[in-house]
N, C-alpha and C. Protein backbone atom coordinates (compact mmCIF):
# COMPACT_ATOMS: atom_id res chain seq x y z
N MET A 1 0.84 -1.04 -0.24
CA MET A 1 0.09 -0.05 0.08
C MET A 1 0.90 1.19 0.20
N PRO A 2 2.24 1.25 0.69
CA PRO A 2 2.44 2.48 1.07
C PRO A 2 3.08 3.17 -0.58
N TYR A 3 3.04 1.93 -1.91
CA TYR A 3 3.89 2.50 -2.91
C TYR A 3 2.64 3.00 -4.33
N PHE A 4 1.08 3.01 -3.02
CA PHE A 4 0.08 3.75 -4.32
C PHE A 4 -0.60 5.06 -3.29
N SER A 5 1.02 5.45 -2.14
CA SER A 5 0.08 6.69 -1.40
C SER A 5 -0.46 7.91 -2.26
N PHE A 6 0.42 7.94 -3.39
CA PHE A 6 0.40 8.99 -4.29
C PHE A 6 -1.10 9.15 -5.03
N LEU A 7 -1.92 7.89 -4.82
CA LEU A 7 -3.53 7.99 -5.18
C LEU A 7 -4.35 8.20 -4.18
N SER A 8 -4.10 8.89 -3.36
CA SER A 8 -4.56 9.33 -2.27
C SER A 8 -5.51 9.87 -2.51
N PRO A 9 -5.59 10.99 -3.05
CA PRO A 9 -6.20 12.29 -3.38
C PRO A 9 -7.33 11.77 -4.36
N ILE A 10 -6.95 10.77 -5.26
CA ILE A 10 -7.55 10.57 -5.90
C ILE A 10 -8.72 9.31 -5.67
N SER A 11 -8.02 8.34 -4.92
CA SER A 11 -9.28 7.41 -3.92
C SER A 11 -10.67 7.92 -4.18
N PRO A 12 -11.00 8.64 -3.66
CA PRO A 12 -12.33 9.37 -3.20
C PRO A 12 -13.40 9.29 -4.33
N ILE A 13 -12.60 9.81 -5.84
CA ILE A 13 -12.70 10.14 -6.79
C ILE A 13 -13.58 8.28 -7.39
N LEU A 14 -12.16 7.63 -7.48
CA LEU A 14 -12.23 6.22 -7.77
C LEU A 14 -13.69 5.81 -7.13
N GLN A 15 -14.00 5.87 -5.64
CA GLN A 15 -15.46 5.10 -5.17
C GLN A 15 -16.55 5.78 -4.73
N LEU A 16 -16.88 7.28 -6.41
CA LEU A 16 -17.63 7.99 -6.00
C LEU A 16 -19.15 6.72 -6.20
N ASN A 17 -19.10 5.59 -7.45
CA ASN A 17 -19.46 4.52 -7.32
C ASN A 17 -19.33 3.61 -7.45
N PRO A 18 -19.13 2.64 -6.17
CA PRO A 18 -18.50 1.57 -5.58
C PRO A 18 -19.47 0.60 -6.33
N ASN A 19 -20.56 0.52 -6.70
CA ASN A 19 -21.17 -0.79 -7.26
C ASN A 19 -21.57 -0.48 -8.21
N VAL A 20 -21.05 0.45 -9.28
CA VAL A 20 -21.25 0.62 -10.78
C VAL A 20 -19.64 0.40 -11.34
N ASN A 21 -19.94 -0.56 -12.25
CA ASN A 21 -18.75 -1.18 -12.96
C ASN A 21 -17.87 -0.15 -14.11
N PRO A 22 -17.20 -0.57 -14.18
CA PRO A 22 -16.43 0.27 -14.96
C PRO A 22 -16.74 0.30 -16.52
N PHE A 23 -17.23 -0.48 -17.05
CA PHE A 23 -18.05 -0.56 -18.26
C PHE A 23 -19.46 0.90 -17.98
N GLN A 24 -19.73 0.43 -17.25
CA GLN A 24 -20.88 1.82 -16.82
C GLN A 24 -20.67 3.04 -17.11
N ARG A 25 -19.27 3.41 -15.61
CA ARG A 25 -19.00 4.37 -15.73
C ARG A 25 -18.18 5.44 -17.04
N SER A 26 -17.86 4.28 -18.23
CA SER A 26 -17.43 4.72 -19.29
C SER A 26 -18.42 5.51 -20.22
N PHE A 27 -19.85 5.36 -20.11
CA PHE A 27 -20.81 5.96 -20.38
C PHE A 27 -21.88 7.09 -20.02
N VAL A 28 -20.95 7.42 -18.90
CA VAL A 28 -21.49 8.51 -18.29
C VAL A 28 -21.21 9.88 -18.94
N GLY A 29 -20.51 9.96 -19.34
CA GLY A 29 -20.10 11.02 -20.61
C GLY A 29 -21.15 11.29 -21.35
N GLU A 30 -21.07 10.12 -22.37
CA GLU A 30 -22.19 9.95 -23.24
C GLU A 30 -23.88 10.01 -23.11
N ILE A 31 -23.95 10.04 -21.52
CA ILE A 31 -25.28 9.89 -21.17
C ILE A 31 -25.62 11.90 -21.13
N ARG A 32 -24.34 12.20 -20.16
CA ARG A 32 -24.84 13.49 -20.22
C ARG A 32 -24.78 14.37 -21.43
N ARG A 33 -24.03 14.04 -22.22
CA ARG A 33 -24.07 14.57 -24.04
C ARG A 33 -25.99 14.12 -24.63
N ILE A 34 -25.72 12.88 -24.53
CA ILE A 34 -27.11 12.99 -24.71
C ILE A 34 -28.60 14.08 -23.93
N GLU A 35 -28.39 14.05 -22.77
CA GLU A 35 -29.20 14.74 -21.72
C GLU A 35 -28.95 16.28 -21.92
N GLU A 36 -27.87 16.99 -22.90
CA GLU A 36 -27.87 17.78 -22.90
C GLU A 36 -28.73 18.18 -24.47
N MET A 37 -28.45 17.23 -25.38
CA MET A 37 -28.82 17.28 -26.48
C MET A 37 -30.62 17.52 -25.95
N ALA A 38 -31.05 16.51 -25.39
CA ALA A 38 -32.23 16.54 -24.98
C ALA A 38 -32.96 18.08 -24.26
N ARG A 39 -31.61 18.34 -23.58
CA ARG A 39 -32.30 19.98 -23.20
C ARG A 39 -32.38 20.72 -24.26
N ARG A 40 -31.56 21.08 -25.78
CA ARG A 40 -31.44 21.67 -26.71
C ARG A 40 -33.03 21.34 -27.63
N VAL A 41 -33.45 20.20 -27.59
CA VAL A 41 -34.56 19.82 -27.93
C VAL A 41 -35.96 20.51 -27.50
N ARG A 42 -35.73 20.06 -26.13
CA ARG A 42 -36.48 21.12 -25.44
C ARG A 42 -36.88 22.39 -25.45
N PHE A 43 -35.48 22.84 -25.50
CA PHE A 43 -35.54 24.80 -25.73
C PHE A 43 -35.99 24.98 -26.97
N PHE A 44 -36.18 24.04 -28.00
CA PHE A 44 -36.22 24.40 -29.41
C PHE A 44 -37.91 24.07 -29.26
N ALA A 45 -38.37 23.02 -28.85
CA ALA A 45 -39.86 22.83 -28.27
C ALA A 45 -40.70 24.28 -28.04
N THR A 46 -39.56 24.49 -26.50
CA THR A 46 -40.47 25.83 -26.13
C THR A 46 -40.37 27.37 -26.77
N GLN A 47 -39.48 27.09 -27.70
CA GLN A 47 -39.67 28.50 -28.78
C GLN A 47 -40.57 28.20 -29.57
N ILE A 48 -40.45 27.07 -29.98
CA ILE A 48 -41.45 26.96 -31.02
C ILE A 48 -43.13 27.47 -30.54
N GLU A 49 -43.43 26.87 -29.15
CA GLU A 49 -44.78 26.52 -28.64
C GLU A 49 -44.98 28.18 -28.11
N ARG A 50 -43.93 29.28 -28.26
CA ARG A 50 -43.95 30.46 -27.80
C ARG A 50 -44.50 31.51 -29.12
N GLU A 51 -44.14 31.00 -30.48
CA GLU A 51 -44.54 31.62 -31.50
C GLU A 51 -45.85 31.94 -31.80
N PRO A 52 -46.13 32.65 -31.88
CA PRO A 52 -47.72 33.35 -32.06
C PRO A 52 -48.21 32.71 -33.46
N ASP A 53 -47.55 32.57 -34.32
CA ASP A 53 -47.82 31.89 -35.90
C ASP A 53 -47.10 30.84 -35.76
N PRO A 54 -48.00 29.87 -36.41
CA PRO A 54 -47.61 28.51 -36.66
C PRO A 54 -46.32 28.23 -37.41
N ILE A 55 -45.78 27.13 -37.02
CA ILE A 55 -44.12 27.03 -37.64
C ILE A 55 -44.63 25.99 -38.30
N PRO A 56 -44.24 25.26 -39.82
CA PRO A 56 -44.42 24.04 -40.35
C PRO A 56 -43.53 23.39 -39.82
N ILE A 57 -43.44 22.08 -39.32
CA ILE A 57 -42.94 21.33 -38.74
C ILE A 57 -43.05 19.90 -39.39
N ARG A 58 -42.12 19.89 -40.19
CA ARG A 58 -41.45 18.46 -41.34
C ARG A 58 -41.97 17.29 -40.51
N PRO A 59 -42.65 16.31 -40.88
CA PRO A 59 -42.99 15.03 -40.35
C PRO A 59 -41.51 14.27 -40.29
N LEU A 60 -41.72 13.06 -39.61
CA LEU A 60 -40.23 13.00 -39.55
C LEU A 60 -40.26 11.66 -40.61
N TYR A 61 -41.09 11.06 -41.24
CA TYR A 61 -40.96 10.36 -42.50
C TYR A 61 -40.06 11.45 -43.52
N ASP A 62 -40.15 12.24 -43.85
CA ASP A 62 -39.11 13.14 -44.32
C ASP A 62 -38.05 13.24 -44.34
N SER A 63 -37.50 13.11 -43.49
CA SER A 63 -36.18 13.33 -42.49
C SER A 63 -35.53 11.97 -43.18
N ALA A 64 -34.11 12.29 -43.09
CA ALA A 64 -33.24 11.19 -43.26
C ALA A 64 -33.11 10.63 -41.96
N PRO A 65 -33.22 8.83 -42.27
CA PRO A 65 -33.52 7.91 -41.09
C PRO A 65 -31.90 8.21 -40.20
N LEU A 66 -32.17 8.21 -38.85
CA LEU A 66 -31.22 8.18 -38.05
C LEU A 66 -30.66 6.63 -37.79
N ILE A 67 -29.40 6.92 -37.68
CA ILE A 67 -28.57 5.72 -37.83
C ILE A 67 -28.05 5.80 -35.97
N ALA A 68 -29.45 4.81 -34.98
CA ALA A 68 -28.85 4.68 -33.82
C ALA A 68 -28.09 3.63 -33.32
N VAL A 69 -27.89 2.66 -34.61
CA VAL A 69 -27.12 1.33 -34.01
C VAL A 69 -26.53 0.97 -34.95
N GLY A 70 -24.95 0.36 -34.74
CA GLY A 70 -24.36 0.03 -35.78
C GLY A 70 -23.25 0.83 -35.81
N PRO A 71 -22.24 0.65 -36.40
CA PRO A 71 -20.75 1.44 -36.76
C PRO A 71 -21.20 3.06 -37.23
N ARG A 72 -22.03 3.31 -37.67
CA ARG A 72 -22.22 4.94 -37.72
C ARG A 72 -23.01 5.76 -36.73
N ALA A 73 -23.85 4.86 -35.62
CA ALA A 73 -24.18 5.38 -34.90
C ALA A 73 -23.38 6.59 -34.16
N ALA A 74 -22.35 6.33 -33.75
CA ALA A 74 -21.48 7.62 -32.97
C ALA A 74 -21.39 8.69 -33.92
N GLN A 75 -21.18 8.45 -35.21
CA GLN A 75 -21.18 9.60 -36.53
C GLN A 75 -22.61 10.39 -36.15
N THR A 76 -23.70 9.30 -36.39
CA THR A 76 -24.72 10.21 -36.51
C THR A 76 -25.21 11.32 -35.22
N ILE A 77 -24.71 10.43 -34.44
CA ILE A 77 -24.87 11.33 -32.75
C ILE A 77 -24.08 12.62 -32.85
N ASP A 78 -23.22 12.55 -33.37
CA ASP A 78 -21.98 14.03 -33.61
C ASP A 78 -22.83 14.41 -34.38
N ASP A 79 -22.77 14.01 -35.60
CA ASP A 79 -23.70 14.89 -36.33
C ASP A 79 -24.80 15.72 -36.08
N LEU A 80 -25.57 14.63 -35.07
CA LEU A 80 -26.35 15.68 -34.64
C LEU A 80 -26.54 16.56 -33.31
N ASP A 81 -25.00 16.41 -32.66
CA ASP A 81 -25.09 17.19 -31.70
C ASP A 81 -24.51 18.66 -32.00
N VAL A 82 -23.47 18.24 -33.35
CA VAL A 82 -23.01 19.63 -33.65
C VAL A 82 -24.51 20.53 -34.34
N THR A 83 -25.25 19.92 -34.90
CA THR A 83 -26.28 20.32 -35.88
C THR A 83 -27.06 21.39 -34.51
N LEU A 84 -27.60 20.67 -33.85
CA LEU A 84 -28.37 20.91 -32.57
C LEU A 84 -27.78 22.25 -31.80
N ASN A 85 -26.12 22.05 -31.81
CA ASN A 85 -25.52 23.07 -31.20
C ASN A 85 -25.36 24.18 -31.76
N GLU A 86 -25.74 24.44 -32.96
CA GLU A 86 -25.43 25.63 -34.18
C GLU A 86 -26.74 26.23 -34.27
N HIS A 87 -27.88 25.02 -34.27
CA HIS A 87 -29.12 26.08 -34.29
C HIS A 87 -29.49 26.31 -33.10
N GLU A 88 -29.30 26.29 -31.83
CA GLU A 88 -29.44 26.47 -30.55
C GLU A 88 -28.66 27.77 -30.32
N SER A 89 -27.29 27.92 -31.15
CA SER A 89 -26.38 29.46 -30.74
C SER A 89 -27.40 30.17 -32.15
N ARG A 90 -27.79 29.67 -33.38
CA ARG A 90 -28.19 30.64 -33.94
C ARG A 90 -29.77 31.16 -33.31
N LEU A 91 -30.62 30.45 -32.61
CA LEU A 91 -31.46 31.18 -32.21
C LEU A 91 -31.52 31.69 -31.03
N LEU A 92 -30.51 31.46 -30.42
CA LEU A 92 -30.00 32.27 -29.29
C LEU A 92 -29.94 33.97 -29.69
N GLU A 93 -29.03 33.78 -30.78
CA GLU A 93 -28.29 34.90 -31.41
C GLU A 93 -30.41 35.94 -31.97
N MET A 94 -30.44 35.05 -32.66
CA MET A 94 -32.14 35.48 -33.26
C MET A 94 -32.75 35.88 -31.91
N ASN A 95 -32.25 35.37 -30.80
CA ASN A 95 -33.77 36.25 -29.59
C ASN A 95 -33.38 36.89 -29.06
N SER A 96 -31.93 37.30 -29.13
CA SER A 96 -31.21 38.54 -28.35
C SER A 96 -31.47 39.65 -29.19
N ALA A 97 -31.70 39.34 -30.70
CA ALA A 97 -31.96 40.25 -31.96
C ALA A 97 -32.92 40.49 -32.03
N TYR A 98 -34.35 40.09 -31.76
CA TYR A 98 -35.30 40.33 -31.31
C TYR A 98 -35.45 40.84 -30.40
N GLU A 99 -34.76 41.16 -29.06
CA GLU A 99 -35.13 41.54 -28.17
C GLU A 99 -34.81 43.10 -28.17
N VAL A 100 -33.55 43.38 -29.18
CA VAL A 100 -32.99 44.59 -29.08
C VAL A 100 -33.82 45.05 -30.40
N LEU A 101 -34.09 44.44 -30.65
CA LEU A 101 -35.04 45.30 -31.96
C LEU A 101 -36.20 45.69 -31.44
N SER A 102 -37.04 44.49 -30.66
CA SER A 102 -37.87 45.43 -29.64
C SER A 102 -38.02 46.44 -29.19
N GLU A 103 -36.73 46.63 -28.37
CA GLU A 103 -36.62 47.48 -27.65
C GLU A 103 -36.42 48.97 -28.09
N ARG A 104 -35.99 48.98 -29.41
CA ARG A 104 -35.93 49.89 -30.41
C ARG A 104 -37.00 49.91 -30.72
N LEU A 105 -38.22 49.35 -31.32
CA LEU A 105 -39.54 49.46 -32.15
C LEU A 105 -40.43 50.56 -30.97
N ALA A 106 -39.67 49.93 -29.03
CA ALA A 106 -40.65 51.22 -28.44
C ALA A 106 -40.03 52.05 -28.24
N GLU A 107 -39.40 52.24 -28.83
CA GLU A 107 -38.47 53.98 -28.16
C GLU A 107 -38.51 54.65 -29.38
N LEU A 108 -39.21 53.94 -31.07
CA LEU A 108 -38.84 54.50 -32.06
C LEU A 108 -41.32 55.13 -31.92
N ILE A 109 -41.87 53.89 -31.14
CA ILE A 109 -43.25 54.30 -31.43
C ILE A 109 -43.22 55.71 -30.16
N GLU A 110 -42.61 55.41 -28.84
CA GLU A 110 -42.50 56.54 -28.45
C GLU A 110 -41.87 58.18 -28.97
N ALA A 111 -41.09 57.93 -29.76
CA ALA A 111 -40.52 59.15 -30.55
C ALA A 111 -41.26 59.66 -31.24
N ARG A 112 -41.91 58.93 -31.85
CA ARG A 112 -43.14 59.12 -33.15
C ARG A 112 -44.08 59.76 -32.36
N HIS A 113 -44.26 59.28 -30.64
CA HIS A 113 -45.71 60.30 -30.46
C HIS A 113 -45.27 61.50 -29.99
N VAL A 114 -43.91 61.90 -29.24
CA VAL A 114 -43.10 62.85 -28.75
C VAL A 114 -43.78 64.14 -30.12
N LEU A 115 -43.09 63.24 -31.22
CA LEU A 115 -43.13 64.26 -32.55
C LEU A 115 -44.32 64.88 -32.45
N ARG A 116 -45.49 63.75 -32.69
CA ARG A 116 -46.75 64.38 -32.90
C ARG A 116 -47.31 64.86 -32.25
N GLU A 117 -47.30 64.63 -30.71
CA GLU A 117 -47.69 65.73 -29.82
C GLU A 117 -46.95 67.41 -30.08
N THR A 118 -45.33 67.58 -30.79
CA THR A 118 -44.96 68.52 -30.68
C THR A 118 -45.59 69.39 -31.91
N ALA A 119 -45.46 68.40 -32.62
CA ALA A 119 -46.17 69.13 -33.90
C ALA A 119 -47.73 69.58 -33.41
N VAL A 120 -48.22 69.52 -32.83
CA VAL A 120 -49.94 69.78 -32.31
C VAL A 120 -49.64 71.19 -31.59
N PHE A 121 -48.67 70.80 -30.71
CA PHE A 121 -48.39 72.09 -29.99
C PHE A 121 -47.79 73.01 -30.66
N PHE A 122 -47.12 72.98 -31.57
CA PHE A 122 -46.38 74.24 -32.12
C PHE A 122 -47.56 74.63 -33.45
N ARG A 123 -48.56 73.92 -33.87
CA ARG A 123 -49.57 74.09 -34.60
C ARG A 123 -50.45 74.81 -33.67
N ARG A 124 -50.68 74.49 -32.72
CA ARG A 124 -51.70 75.71 -31.53
C ARG A 124 -50.87 76.66 -31.33
N VAL A 125 -49.35 76.69 -31.25
CA VAL A 125 -48.90 77.80 -31.01
C VAL A 125 -49.01 79.06 -32.53
N ARG A 126 -48.78 78.32 -33.58
CA ARG A 126 -48.93 79.14 -34.43
C ARG A 126 -50.20 80.08 -34.65
N VAL A 127 -51.36 79.25 -34.03
CA VAL A 127 -52.68 79.80 -34.67
C VAL A 127 -52.99 80.33 -33.89
N LEU A 128 -52.60 80.32 -32.57
CA LEU A 128 -52.27 81.49 -31.59
C LEU A 128 -51.65 82.95 -31.62
N CYS A 129 -50.97 82.41 -32.05
CA CYS A 129 -49.94 83.73 -32.94
C CYS A 129 -50.64 84.52 -33.89
N ASP A 130 -51.31 83.43 -35.15
CA ASP A 130 -51.68 84.37 -35.87
C ASP A 130 -53.13 85.01 -35.17
N CYS A 131 -53.77 84.46 -34.83
CA CYS A 131 -54.71 85.72 -33.92
C CYS A 131 -54.39 86.44 -33.21
N CYS A 132 -53.32 86.37 -32.34
CA CYS A 132 -52.59 87.44 -31.87
C CYS A 132 -52.54 88.78 -32.74
N ALA A 133 -51.44 88.47 -33.80
CA ALA A 133 -50.63 89.17 -34.48
C ALA A 133 -52.41 89.90 -34.98
N ALA A 134 -53.63 89.21 -35.60
CA ALA A 134 -54.56 89.81 -36.51
C ALA A 134 -55.17 91.12 -34.85
N PHE A 135 -55.25 90.47 -33.78
CA PHE A 135 -56.02 91.26 -32.67
C PHE A 135 -55.03 92.37 -32.54
N SER A 136 -53.35 92.15 -32.70
CA SER A 136 -53.08 93.67 -32.40
C SER A 136 -53.02 94.21 -34.04
N LYS A 137 -52.84 93.69 -34.96
CA LYS A 137 -53.33 94.88 -35.71
C LYS A 137 -55.43 95.33 -36.09
N GLN A 138 -55.71 94.94 -35.49
CA GLN A 138 -57.36 95.56 -35.54
C GLN A 138 -57.03 96.73 -34.28
N LEU A 139 -56.51 96.06 -33.60
CA LEU A 139 -55.95 97.36 -32.40
C LEU A 139 -55.71 98.78 -32.67
N SER A 140 -54.49 98.40 -33.38
CA SER A 140 -53.71 99.62 -34.31
C SER A 140 -54.39 100.17 -35.06
N TYR A 141 -55.51 99.66 -35.97
CA TYR A 141 -56.11 100.04 -36.66
C TYR A 141 -57.36 100.77 -36.17
N SER A 142 -57.65 100.21 -35.06
CA SER A 142 -58.66 101.10 -34.29
C SER A 142 -58.41 102.34 -33.37
N ARG A 143 -57.07 102.52 -33.09
CA ARG A 143 -56.60 103.39 -32.57
C ARG A 143 -56.23 104.62 -33.39
N ILE A 144 -56.30 104.08 -34.69
CA ILE A 144 -56.47 106.00 -35.64
C ILE A 144 -57.35 106.35 -36.27
């Protein structure tokens, strides 16, 4: 045992799941990866549900079949993971751009309202000035 004393900091890590064999431990990373992919799919589903306009979803029989077993299964899962990651990043970019555009739209609507109210104010002032000018002109003619 003294020869393996350098492993003592690692031994608690090795004993985290003592009832699980090494074969099962090797798939923990893959399971986490699949769970992350499932999270992305749920994220897409919530984004689709939030959309007020219906989004046409292509039926699965139109898609290329996923190879879930055999020698190409790992490649298929890798491709799917990359595709989901790309789509998630694009969707997150679109969501942030939508938020920025929505804020900008609200600012522009507010600016348009301010401009309309300002135009109404200046029209009233012009009418008032014209009335005052006509009244003062009338007063000057009446004094003569």
